[in-house]
Amino acid sequence: MGVYELFIQPFAEFGFMRRALVASLALALGSAPMGTLLVLRRMSLMGDAMAHAVLPGAAIGFALAGFSLPAMGAGGLAAALLVALLAGWVAQVTTQREDASFAAFYLIALAAGVLIISTHGTPVDLMHVLFGSILAVDDTALVGVAAVASLTLLAAAALYRPLLVASVDPGFLRAVGGAERTLHFVFLGLVVLNLVAGFQALGTLMAVGLMMLPATAARFWAREVWSLAAVAALIALASAAGGLLLSYHLQLPSGPAIVLLAGLAYVGSLLAGRHDSLLARRLALHAHRAA
């Protein structure tokens, strides 16, 4: 089998493969800056919590309208934003940290979502909502994913400096009169939008993978924030394209294949990345001893 049959023919011949690839590009571009900022803020697990918080809203949309992506997307967005607001409110009025309240609400949301889908559908429906199907992305979903990615990039460009300061030194932002709390909720809103867009393609359990794994892998290759986001986007796109090809040639589930490739990229970066990887540390140690 030649290069054309392996890498180009599936996208050249099948419209669903082209739509999946374009959706992956949009998800990669939108999720990369959000994942990078989550890593800088040490909020990686909160991203996972918000991804699962999408489930009960999506489940209610499914119960009311079946597999209607607009209904499920709107419900997922409302549920995730509600969980984010509740977690922030609990952190403000009690001594509990925000990550702990996120964990509590996400577990409640996950259980509620699974219960709703289980009582209004079949196990196949539950698997579809949890793991998605990027190969089934239609034109409506594609436009929605592209719109979210465009909004994310525009907002990240407009708010780049305050978002960066809030990520590395929120105390300084508060000291100079910056609206740190408002900016935090705007940021969480952008994260939720990207998770909802990813849920439509990858399901609630897989959506966070394309956001967080490339961002964590990028830390081993780049230093500046803009380059971290760029490397994360490249890793996400390569993982998505490779996962789609594996799914096509080996008849594998597309979402898990994409996320597993992103996981392999993380492991490879951990082992042999340019900065702080095991190989880089070993080389630096040898250079220090030689000096």
C-alpha atoms as a PDB file:
ATOM      1  CA  MET A   1       0.000   0.000   0.000  1.00  0.00           C
ATOM      2  CA  GLY A   2       1.508   3.305  -1.102  1.00  0.00           C
ATOM      3  CA  VAL A   3       1.636   6.701   0.544  1.00  0.00           C
ATOM      4  CA  TYR A   4      -1.421   7.897  -1.368  1.00  0.00           C
ATOM      5  CA  GLU A   5      -3.575   4.977  -0.253  1.00  0.00           C
ATOM      6  CA  LEU A   6      -2.393   5.284   3.353  1.00  0.00           C
ATOM      7  CA  PHE A   7      -2.563   9.034   3.971  1.00  0.00           C
ATOM      8  CA  ILE A   8      -4.435  10.838   1.198  1.00  0.00           C
ATOM      9  CA  GLN A   9      -7.029   8.539  -0.334  1.00  0.00           C
ATOM     10  CA  PRO A  10      -9.336   8.369   2.719  1.00  0.00           C
ATOM     11  CA  PHE A  11      -9.645  12.162   2.812  1.00  0.00           C
ATOM     12  CA  ALA A  12      -9.779  12.547  -0.971  1.00  0.00           C
ATOM     13  CA  GLU A  13     -12.561  10.012  -1.510  1.00  0.00           C
ATOM     14  CA  PHE A  14     -14.849  10.388   1.486  1.00  0.00           C
ATOM     15  CA  GLY A  15     -16.640  13.553   2.547  1.00  0.00           C
ATOM     16  CA  PHE A  16     -17.129  12.351   6.127  1.00  0.00           C
ATOM     17  CA  MET A  17     -13.354  11.987   6.492  1.00  0.00           C
ATOM     18  CA  ARG A  18     -12.784  15.531   5.189  1.00  0.00           C
ATOM     19  CA  ARG A  19     -15.400  16.940   7.569  1.00  0.00           C
ATOM     20  CA  ALA A  20     -13.798  15.045  10.458  1.00  0.00           C
ATOM     21  CA  LEU A  21     -10.362  16.420   9.529  1.00  0.00           C
ATOM     22  CA  VAL A  22     -11.628  20.014   9.298  1.00  0.00           C
ATOM     23  CA  ALA A  23     -13.440  19.590  12.629  1.00  0.00           C
ATOM     24  CA  SER A  24     -10.198  18.280  14.129  1.00  0.00           C
ATOM     25  CA  LEU A  25      -8.317  21.322  12.831  1.00  0.00           C
ATOM     26  CA  ALA A  26     -10.871  23.660  14.408  1.00  0.00           C
ATOM     27  CA  LEU A  27     -10.809  21.746  17.697  1.00  0.00           C
ATOM     28  CA  ALA A  28      -7.008  21.796  17.733  1.00  0.00           C
ATOM     29  CA  LEU A  29      -6.834  25.553  17.109  1.00  0.00           C
ATOM     30  CA  GLY A  30      -9.465  26.381  19.706  1.00  0.00           C
ATOM     31  CA  SER A  31      -8.422  23.918  22.410  1.00  0.00           C
ATOM     32  CA  ALA A  32      -4.658  24.550  22.263  1.00  0.00           C
ATOM     33  CA  PRO A  33      -4.603  28.011  23.906  1.00  0.00           C
ATOM     34  CA  MET A  34      -7.205  26.970  26.491  1.00  0.00           C
ATOM     35  CA  GLY A  35      -5.286  23.811  27.379  1.00  0.00           C
ATOM     36  CA  THR A  36      -2.040  25.766  27.607  1.00  0.00           C
ATOM     37  CA  LEU A  37      -3.565  28.281  30.018  1.00  0.00           C
ATOM     38  CA  LEU A  38      -5.129  25.494  32.093  1.00  0.00           C
ATOM     39  CA  VAL A  39      -1.684  23.911  32.459  1.00  0.00           C
ATOM     40  CA  LEU A  40      -0.123  27.262  33.416  1.00  0.00           C
ATOM     41  CA  ARG A  41      -2.858  27.809  36.001  1.00  0.00           C
ATOM     42  CA  ARG A  42      -2.380  24.266  37.372  1.00  0.00           C
ATOM     43  CA  MET A  43      -6.036  23.597  36.545  1.00  0.00           C
ATOM     44  CA  SER A  44      -5.612  20.540  34.323  1.00  0.00           C
ATOM     45  CA  LEU A  45      -7.929  18.381  36.414  1.00  0.00           C
ATOM     46  CA  MET A  46     -10.523  21.161  36.448  1.00  0.00           C
ATOM     47  CA  GLY A  47     -10.647  20.865  32.680  1.00  0.00           C
ATOM     48  CA  ASP A  48     -11.509  17.205  33.111  1.00  0.00           C
ATOM     49  CA  ALA A  49     -14.162  18.090  35.680  1.00  0.00           C
ATOM     50  CA  MET A  50     -15.789  20.638  33.374  1.00  0.00           C
ATOM     51  CA  ALA A  51     -15.784  18.143  30.511  1.00  0.00           C
ATOM     52  CA  HIS A  52     -17.792  15.700  32.609  1.00  0.00           C
ATOM     53  CA  ALA A  53     -20.060  18.515  33.786  1.00  0.00           C
ATOM     54  CA  VAL A  54     -21.296  18.792  30.190  1.00  0.00           C
ATOM     55  CA  LEU A  55     -22.960  15.378  30.472  1.00  0.00           C
ATOM     56  CA  PRO A  56     -26.195  16.102  32.413  1.00  0.00           C
ATOM     57  CA  GLY A  57     -27.125  19.016  30.156  1.00  0.00           C
ATOM     58  CA  ALA A  58     -26.386  16.948  27.072  1.00  0.00           C
ATOM     59  CA  ALA A  59     -28.431  14.124  28.580  1.00  0.00           C
ATOM     60  CA  ILE A  60     -31.423  16.409  29.129  1.00  0.00           C
ATOM     61  CA  GLY A  61     -31.109  17.623  25.536  1.00  0.00           C
ATOM     62  CA  PHE A  62     -31.014  13.990  24.396  1.00  0.00           C
ATOM     63  CA  ALA A  63     -34.065  13.101  26.497  1.00  0.00           C
ATOM     64  CA  LEU A  64     -36.032  16.017  25.020  1.00  0.00           C
ATOM     65  CA  ALA A  65     -34.900  15.970  21.403  1.00  0.00           C
ATOM     66  CA  GLY A  66     -32.960  12.761  20.745  1.00  0.00           C
ATOM     67  CA  PHE A  67     -29.601  13.039  18.997  1.00  0.00           C
ATOM     68  CA  SER A  68     -30.034  16.715  18.192  1.00  0.00           C
ATOM     69  CA  LEU A  69     -26.594  18.321  18.394  1.00  0.00           C
ATOM     70  CA  PRO A  70     -27.990  21.860  18.889  1.00  0.00           C
ATOM     71  CA  ALA A  71     -30.183  20.688  21.797  1.00  0.00           C
ATOM     72  CA  MET A  72     -27.461  18.561  23.370  1.00  0.00           C
ATOM     73  CA  GLY A  73     -24.836  21.253  22.833  1.00  0.00           C
ATOM     74  CA  ALA A  74     -27.003  23.963  24.397  1.00  0.00           C
ATOM     75  CA  GLY A  75     -27.816  21.717  27.351  1.00  0.00           C
ATOM     76  CA  GLY A  76     -24.167  20.778  27.816  1.00  0.00           C
ATOM     77  CA  LEU A  77     -23.093  24.420  27.703  1.00  0.00           C
ATOM     78  CA  ALA A  78     -25.679  25.428  30.297  1.00  0.00           C
ATOM     79  CA  ALA A  79     -24.779  22.526  32.615  1.00  0.00           C
ATOM     80  CA  ALA A  80     -21.027  23.114  32.443  1.00  0.00           C
ATOM     81  CA  LEU A  81     -21.389  26.856  33.032  1.00  0.00           C
ATOM     82  CA  LEU A  82     -23.684  26.152  35.993  1.00  0.00           C
ATOM     83  CA  VAL A  83     -21.117  23.772  37.511  1.00  0.00           C
ATOM     84  CA  ALA A  84     -18.352  26.354  36.999  1.00  0.00           C
ATOM     85  CA  LEU A  85     -20.434  29.087  38.660  1.00  0.00           C
ATOM     86  CA  LEU A  86     -21.431  26.840  41.567  1.00  0.00           C
ATOM     87  CA  ALA A  87     -17.857  25.713  42.145  1.00  0.00           C
ATOM     88  CA  GLY A  88     -16.635  29.314  42.126  1.00  0.00           C
ATOM     89  CA  TRP A  89     -19.436  30.389  44.471  1.00  0.00           C
ATOM     90  CA  VAL A  90     -18.684  27.588  46.960  1.00  0.00           C
ATOM     91  CA  ALA A  91     -15.001  28.552  46.920  1.00  0.00           C
ATOM     92  CA  GLN A  92     -15.933  32.169  47.688  1.00  0.00           C
ATOM     93  CA  VAL A  93     -18.394  31.562  50.535  1.00  0.00           C
ATOM     94  CA  THR A  94     -16.557  28.660  52.216  1.00  0.00           C
ATOM     95  CA  THR A  95     -12.983  27.678  52.952  1.00  0.00           C
ATOM     96  CA  GLN A  96     -13.106  24.852  50.409  1.00  0.00           C
ATOM     97  CA  ARG A  97     -10.735  25.230  47.459  1.00  0.00           C
ATOM     98  CA  GLU A  98     -12.191  25.599  43.981  1.00  0.00           C
ATOM     99  CA  ASP A  99     -10.648  22.378  42.694  1.00  0.00           C
ATOM    100  CA  ALA A 100     -12.317  20.400  45.495  1.00  0.00           C
ATOM    101  CA  SER A 101     -15.731  21.909  44.759  1.00  0.00           C
ATOM    102  CA  PHE A 102     -15.212  21.239  41.043  1.00  0.00           C
ATOM    103  CA  ALA A 103     -14.503  17.588  41.844  1.00  0.00           C
ATOM    104  CA  ALA A 104     -17.665  17.290  43.939  1.00  0.00           C
ATOM    105  CA  PHE A 105     -19.944  18.908  41.372  1.00  0.00           C
ATOM    106  CA  TYR A 106     -18.423  17.027  38.443  1.00  0.00           C
ATOM    107  CA  LEU A 107     -19.051  13.665  40.124  1.00  0.00           C
ATOM    108  CA  ILE A 108     -22.656  14.661  40.794  1.00  0.00           C
ATOM    109  CA  ALA A 109     -23.043  15.856  37.198  1.00  0.00           C
ATOM    110  CA  LEU A 110     -21.474  12.708  35.739  1.00  0.00           C
ATOM    111  CA  ALA A 111     -23.733  10.401  37.746  1.00  0.00           C
ATOM    112  CA  ALA A 112     -26.826  12.454  36.889  1.00  0.00           C
ATOM    113  CA  GLY A 113     -25.988  12.462  33.185  1.00  0.00           C
ATOM    114  CA  VAL A 114     -25.421   8.700  33.025  1.00  0.00           C
ATOM    115  CA  LEU A 115     -28.684   8.117  34.921  1.00  0.00           C
ATOM    116  CA  ILE A 116     -30.717  10.352  32.589  1.00  0.00           C
ATOM    117  CA  ILE A 117     -29.353   8.749  29.416  1.00  0.00           C
ATOM    118  CA  SER A 118     -29.721   5.230  30.813  1.00  0.00           C
ATOM    119  CA  THR A 119     -33.399   5.804  31.616  1.00  0.00           C
ATOM    120  CA  HIS A 120     -34.234   7.517  28.307  1.00  0.00           C
ATOM    121  CA  GLY A 121     -32.123   5.516  25.862  1.00  0.00           C
ATOM    122  CA  THR A 122     -30.115   2.371  25.278  1.00  0.00           C
ATOM    123  CA  PRO A 123     -26.535   1.380  26.173  1.00  0.00           C
ATOM    124  CA  VAL A 124     -25.606   2.302  22.600  1.00  0.00           C
ATOM    125  CA  ASP A 125     -26.939   5.818  23.172  1.00  0.00           C
ATOM    126  CA  LEU A 126     -24.903   6.101  26.361  1.00  0.00           C
ATOM    127  CA  MET A 127     -21.715   4.990  24.581  1.00  0.00           C
ATOM    128  CA  HIS A 128     -22.368   7.487  21.779  1.00  0.00           C
ATOM    129  CA  VAL A 129     -22.758  10.409  24.207  1.00  0.00           C
ATOM    130  CA  LEU A 130     -19.757   9.379  26.326  1.00  0.00           C
ATOM    131  CA  PHE A 131     -17.373   8.695  23.439  1.00  0.00           C
ATOM    132  CA  GLY A 132     -18.880  10.590  20.486  1.00  0.00           C
ATOM    133  CA  SER A 133     -18.197   9.957  16.818  1.00  0.00           C
ATOM    134  CA  ILE A 134     -16.142  12.505  14.941  1.00  0.00           C
ATOM    135  CA  LEU A 135     -16.813  10.589  11.715  1.00  0.00           C
ATOM    136  CA  ALA A 136     -20.492  11.503  12.070  1.00  0.00           C
ATOM    137  CA  VAL A 137     -19.899  15.277  12.238  1.00  0.00           C
ATOM    138  CA  ASP A 138     -22.327  16.983   9.862  1.00  0.00           C
ATOM    139  CA  ASP A 139     -22.224  20.457   8.337  1.00  0.00           C
ATOM    140  CA  THR A 140     -24.163  22.020  11.228  1.00  0.00           C
ATOM    141  CA  ALA A 141     -21.794  20.642  13.846  1.00  0.00           C
ATOM    142  CA  LEU A 142     -18.805  21.630  11.708  1.00  0.00           C
ATOM    143  CA  VAL A 143     -19.979  25.236  11.528  1.00  0.00           C
ATOM    144  CA  GLY A 144     -20.497  25.234  15.295  1.00  0.00           C
ATOM    145  CA  VAL A 145     -17.017  23.889  16.005  1.00  0.00           C
ATOM    146  CA  ALA A 146     -15.464  26.419  13.606  1.00  0.00           C
ATOM    147  CA  ALA A 147     -17.414  29.269  15.230  1.00  0.00           C
ATOM    148  CA  VAL A 148     -16.216  28.262  18.707  1.00  0.00           C
ATOM    149  CA  ALA A 149     -12.608  28.033  17.513  1.00  0.00           C
ATOM    150  CA  SER A 150     -12.838  31.468  15.853  1.00  0.00           C
ATOM    151  CA  LEU A 151     -14.373  33.051  18.957  1.00  0.00           C
ATOM    152  CA  THR A 152     -11.725  31.452  21.169  1.00  0.00           C
ATOM    153  CA  LEU A 153      -8.824  32.699  19.047  1.00  0.00           C
ATOM    154  CA  LEU A 154     -10.259  36.216  18.825  1.00  0.00           C
ATOM    155  CA  ALA A 155     -10.912  36.366  22.579  1.00  0.00           C
ATOM    156  CA  ALA A 156      -7.469  34.936  23.381  1.00  0.00           C
ATOM    157  CA  ALA A 157      -5.832  37.546  21.142  1.00  0.00           C
ATOM    158  CA  ALA A 158      -7.856  40.411  22.645  1.00  0.00           C
ATOM    159  CA  LEU A 159      -7.274  39.301  26.258  1.00  0.00           C
ATOM    160  CA  TYR A 160      -3.790  37.842  25.825  1.00  0.00           C
ATOM    161  CA  ARG A 161      -1.926  40.006  28.339  1.00  0.00           C
ATOM    162  CA  PRO A 162      -4.477  39.900  31.193  1.00  0.00           C
ATOM    163  CA  LEU A 163      -5.053  36.174  30.652  1.00  0.00           C
ATOM    164  CA  LEU A 164      -1.315  35.558  30.798  1.00  0.00           C
ATOM    165  CA  VAL A 165      -0.850  37.667  33.932  1.00  0.00           C
ATOM    166  CA  ALA A 166      -3.848  35.981  35.576  1.00  0.00           C
ATOM    167  CA  SER A 167      -2.299  32.599  34.794  1.00  0.00           C
ATOM    168  CA  VAL A 168       1.191  33.252  36.188  1.00  0.00           C
ATOM    169  CA  ASP A 169       0.586  35.941  38.852  1.00  0.00           C
ATOM    170  CA  PRO A 170      -3.079  36.576  39.722  1.00  0.00           C
ATOM    171  CA  GLY A 171      -2.046  38.459  42.843  1.00  0.00           C
ATOM    172  CA  PHE A 172      -0.275  41.088  40.728  1.00  0.00           C
ATOM    173  CA  LEU A 173      -3.366  41.451  38.531  1.00  0.00           C
ATOM    174  CA  ARG A 174      -5.514  42.096  41.594  1.00  0.00           C
ATOM    175  CA  ALA A 175      -2.942  44.549  42.978  1.00  0.00           C
ATOM    176  CA  VAL A 176      -3.039  46.697  39.832  1.00  0.00           C
ATOM    177  CA  GLY A 177      -6.824  46.759  39.786  1.00  0.00           C
ATOM    178  CA  GLY A 178      -7.450  44.070  37.180  1.00  0.00           C
ATOM    179  CA  ALA A 179     -10.808  42.285  37.191  1.00  0.00           C
ATOM    180  CA  GLU A 180      -9.247  38.955  38.068  1.00  0.00           C
ATOM    181  CA  ARG A 181     -12.503  37.229  39.070  1.00  0.00           C
ATOM    182  CA  THR A 182     -14.364  38.412  35.953  1.00  0.00           C
ATOM    183  CA  LEU A 183     -11.460  37.349  33.751  1.00  0.00           C
ATOM    184  CA  HIS A 184     -11.421  33.958  35.458  1.00  0.00           C
ATOM    185  CA  PHE A 185     -15.073  33.338  34.600  1.00  0.00           C
ATOM    186  CA  VAL A 186     -14.558  34.548  31.020  1.00  0.00           C
ATOM    187  CA  PHE A 187     -11.709  32.077  30.730  1.00  0.00           C
ATOM    188  CA  LEU A 188     -13.810  29.253  32.178  1.00  0.00           C
ATOM    189  CA  GLY A 189     -16.566  30.155  29.728  1.00  0.00           C
ATOM    190  CA  LEU A 190     -14.164  29.794  26.800  1.00  0.00           C
ATOM    191  CA  VAL A 191     -12.960  26.451  28.156  1.00  0.00           C
ATOM    192  CA  VAL A 192     -16.551  25.235  28.451  1.00  0.00           C
ATOM    193  CA  LEU A 193     -17.367  26.357  24.900  1.00  0.00           C
ATOM    194  CA  ASN A 194     -14.434  24.343  23.548  1.00  0.00           C
ATOM    195  CA  LEU A 195     -15.377  21.313  25.612  1.00  0.00           C
ATOM    196  CA  VAL A 196     -18.941  21.482  24.302  1.00  0.00           C
ATOM    197  CA  ALA A 197     -17.593  21.731  20.747  1.00  0.00           C
ATOM    198  CA  GLY A 198     -15.318  18.767  21.435  1.00  0.00           C
ATOM    199  CA  PHE A 199     -18.149  16.801  23.031  1.00  0.00           C
ATOM    200  CA  GLN A 200     -20.112  16.899  19.793  1.00  0.00           C
ATOM    201  CA  ALA A 201     -17.210  15.168  18.039  1.00  0.00           C
ATOM    202  CA  LEU A 202     -15.424  13.132  20.728  1.00  0.00           C
ATOM    203  CA  GLY A 203     -18.000  12.647  23.491  1.00  0.00           C
ATOM    204  CA  THR A 204     -17.874  13.907  27.050  1.00  0.00           C
ATOM    205  CA  LEU A 205     -15.132  11.509  28.196  1.00  0.00           C
ATOM    206  CA  MET A 206     -12.795  12.081  25.239  1.00  0.00           C
ATOM    207  CA  ALA A 207     -13.249  15.838  24.609  1.00  0.00           C
ATOM    208  CA  VAL A 208     -10.836  16.926  27.320  1.00  0.00           C
ATOM    209  CA  GLY A 209      -8.133  14.623  25.941  1.00  0.00           C
ATOM    210  CA  LEU A 210      -7.548  16.726  22.831  1.00  0.00           C
ATOM    211  CA  MET A 211      -7.363  19.827  25.022  1.00  0.00           C
ATOM    212  CA  MET A 212      -5.053  18.661  27.800  1.00  0.00           C
ATOM    213  CA  LEU A 213      -2.721  15.984  26.400  1.00  0.00           C
ATOM    214  CA  PRO A 214      -1.208  18.159  23.625  1.00  0.00           C
ATOM    215  CA  ALA A 215      -0.867  21.072  26.066  1.00  0.00           C
ATOM    216  CA  THR A 216       0.993  18.953  28.611  1.00  0.00           C
ATOM    217  CA  ALA A 217       3.190  17.450  25.876  1.00  0.00           C
ATOM    218  CA  ALA A 218       4.057  20.918  24.548  1.00  0.00           C
ATOM    219  CA  ARG A 219       5.715  21.814  27.862  1.00  0.00           C
ATOM    220  CA  PHE A 220       8.605  19.524  26.881  1.00  0.00           C
ATOM    221  CA  TRP A 221       9.203  21.336  23.564  1.00  0.00           C
ATOM    222  CA  ALA A 222       8.550  25.057  24.055  1.00  0.00           C
ATOM    223  CA  ARG A 223       8.964  27.781  26.676  1.00  0.00           C
ATOM    224  CA  GLU A 224       7.022  30.876  25.607  1.00  0.00           C
ATOM    225  CA  VAL A 225       3.246  30.831  25.982  1.00  0.00           C
ATOM    226  CA  TRP A 226       2.553  31.504  22.300  1.00  0.00           C
ATOM    227  CA  SER A 227       4.918  28.720  21.242  1.00  0.00           C
ATOM    228  CA  LEU A 228       3.379  26.361  23.807  1.00  0.00           C
ATOM    229  CA  ALA A 229      -0.043  26.965  22.246  1.00  0.00           C
ATOM    230  CA  ALA A 230       1.351  26.552  18.713  1.00  0.00           C
ATOM    231  CA  VAL A 231       3.090  23.255  19.539  1.00  0.00           C
ATOM    232  CA  ALA A 232      -0.014  22.022  21.360  1.00  0.00           C
ATOM    233  CA  ALA A 233      -2.139  22.801  18.290  1.00  0.00           C
ATOM    234  CA  LEU A 234       0.281  20.937  16.016  1.00  0.00           C
ATOM    235  CA  ILE A 235       0.307  17.899  18.308  1.00  0.00           C
ATOM    236  CA  ALA A 236      -3.495  17.950  18.533  1.00  0.00           C
ATOM    237  CA  LEU A 237      -3.895  18.171  14.763  1.00  0.00           C
ATOM    238  CA  ALA A 238      -1.334  15.419  14.118  1.00  0.00           C
ATOM    239  CA  SER A 239      -3.026  13.195  16.711  1.00  0.00           C
ATOM    240  CA  ALA A 240      -6.440  13.842  15.182  1.00  0.00           C
ATOM    241  CA  ALA A 241      -5.295  13.156  11.607  1.00  0.00           C
ATOM    242  CA  GLY A 242      -3.398  10.044  12.689  1.00  0.00           C
ATOM    243  CA  GLY A 243      -6.334   8.816  14.766  1.00  0.00           C
ATOM    244  CA  LEU A 244      -8.707   9.264  11.834  1.00  0.00           C
ATOM    245  CA  LEU A 245      -6.400   7.268   9.574  1.00  0.00           C
ATOM    246  CA  LEU A 246      -6.056   4.499  12.158  1.00  0.00           C
ATOM    247  CA  SER A 247      -9.815   4.468  12.554  1.00  0.00           C
ATOM    248  CA  TYR A 248     -10.270   4.165   8.791  1.00  0.00           C
ATOM    249  CA  HIS A 249      -7.651   1.501   8.063  1.00  0.00           C
ATOM    250  CA  LEU A 250      -8.001  -0.633  11.216  1.00  0.00           C
ATOM    251  CA  GLN A 251     -11.734  -0.117  11.947  1.00  0.00           C
ATOM    252  CA  LEU A 252     -11.015   1.387  15.361  1.00  0.00           C
ATOM    253  CA  PRO A 253     -13.212   3.834  17.303  1.00  0.00           C
ATOM    254  CA  SER A 254     -12.108   7.277  16.120  1.00  0.00           C
ATOM    255  CA  GLY A 255     -12.293   9.207  19.410  1.00  0.00           C
ATOM    256  CA  PRO A 256     -10.204   6.819  21.523  1.00  0.00           C
ATOM    257  CA  ALA A 257      -7.719   6.415  18.656  1.00  0.00           C
ATOM    258  CA  ILE A 258      -7.209  10.187  18.500  1.00  0.00           C
ATOM    259  CA  VAL A 259      -6.784  10.559  22.264  1.00  0.00           C
ATOM    260  CA  LEU A 260      -4.448   7.560  22.492  1.00  0.00           C
ATOM    261  CA  LEU A 261      -2.202   9.085  19.826  1.00  0.00           C
ATOM    262  CA  ALA A 262      -2.176  12.319  21.814  1.00  0.00           C
ATOM    263  CA  GLY A 263      -1.234  10.227  24.842  1.00  0.00           C
ATOM    264  CA  LEU A 264       1.622   8.626  22.909  1.00  0.00           C
ATOM    265  CA  ALA A 265       2.788  12.107  21.918  1.00  0.00           C
ATOM    266  CA  TYR A 266       2.832  13.032  25.611  1.00  0.00           C
ATOM    267  CA  VAL A 267       4.830   9.918  26.555  1.00  0.00           C
ATOM    268  CA  GLY A 268       7.277  10.543  23.703  1.00  0.00           C
ATOM    269  CA  SER A 269       7.674  14.154  24.786  1.00  0.00           C
ATOM    270  CA  LEU A 270       8.231  13.100  28.386  1.00  0.00           C
ATOM    271  CA  LEU A 271      10.966  10.704  27.284  1.00  0.00           C
ATOM    272  CA  ALA A 272      12.753  12.745  24.609  1.00  0.00           C
ATOM    273  CA  GLY A 273      11.443  16.325  24.565  1.00  0.00           C
ATOM    274  CA  ARG A 274      13.730  19.309  24.212  1.00  0.00           C
ATOM    275  CA  HIS A 275      13.131  20.726  27.701  1.00  0.00           C
ATOM    276  CA  ASP A 276      12.965  18.897  31.055  1.00  0.00           C
ATOM    277  CA  SER A 277      12.358  15.470  29.518  1.00  0.00           C
ATOM    278  CA  LEU A 278      14.146  12.406  30.833  1.00  0.00           C
ATOM    279  CA  LEU A 279      16.575  12.544  27.913  1.00  0.00           C
ATOM    280  CA  ALA A 280      17.196  16.285  28.317  1.00  0.00           C
ATOM    281  CA  ARG A 281      17.867  15.868  32.029  1.00  0.00           C
ATOM    282  CA  ARG A 282      20.223  12.968  31.374  1.00  0.00           C
ATOM    283  CA  LEU A 283      22.159  14.969  28.761  1.00  0.00           C
ATOM    284  CA  ALA A 284      22.344  17.975  31.087  1.00  0.00           C
ATOM    285  CA  LEU A 285      23.646  15.760  33.889  1.00  0.00           C
ATOM    286  CA  HIS A 286      26.343  14.294  31.629  1.00  0.00           C
ATOM    287  CA  ALA A 287      27.341  17.789  30.465  1.00  0.00           C
ATOM    288  CA  HIS A 288      27.558  18.974  34.082  1.00  0.00           C
ATOM    289  CA  ARG A 289      29.760  16.032  35.055  1.00  0.00           C
ATOM    290  CA  ALA A 290      31.990  16.531  32.009  1.00  0.00           C
ATOM    291  CA  ALA A 291      32.468  20.189  32.942  1.00  0.00           C
END
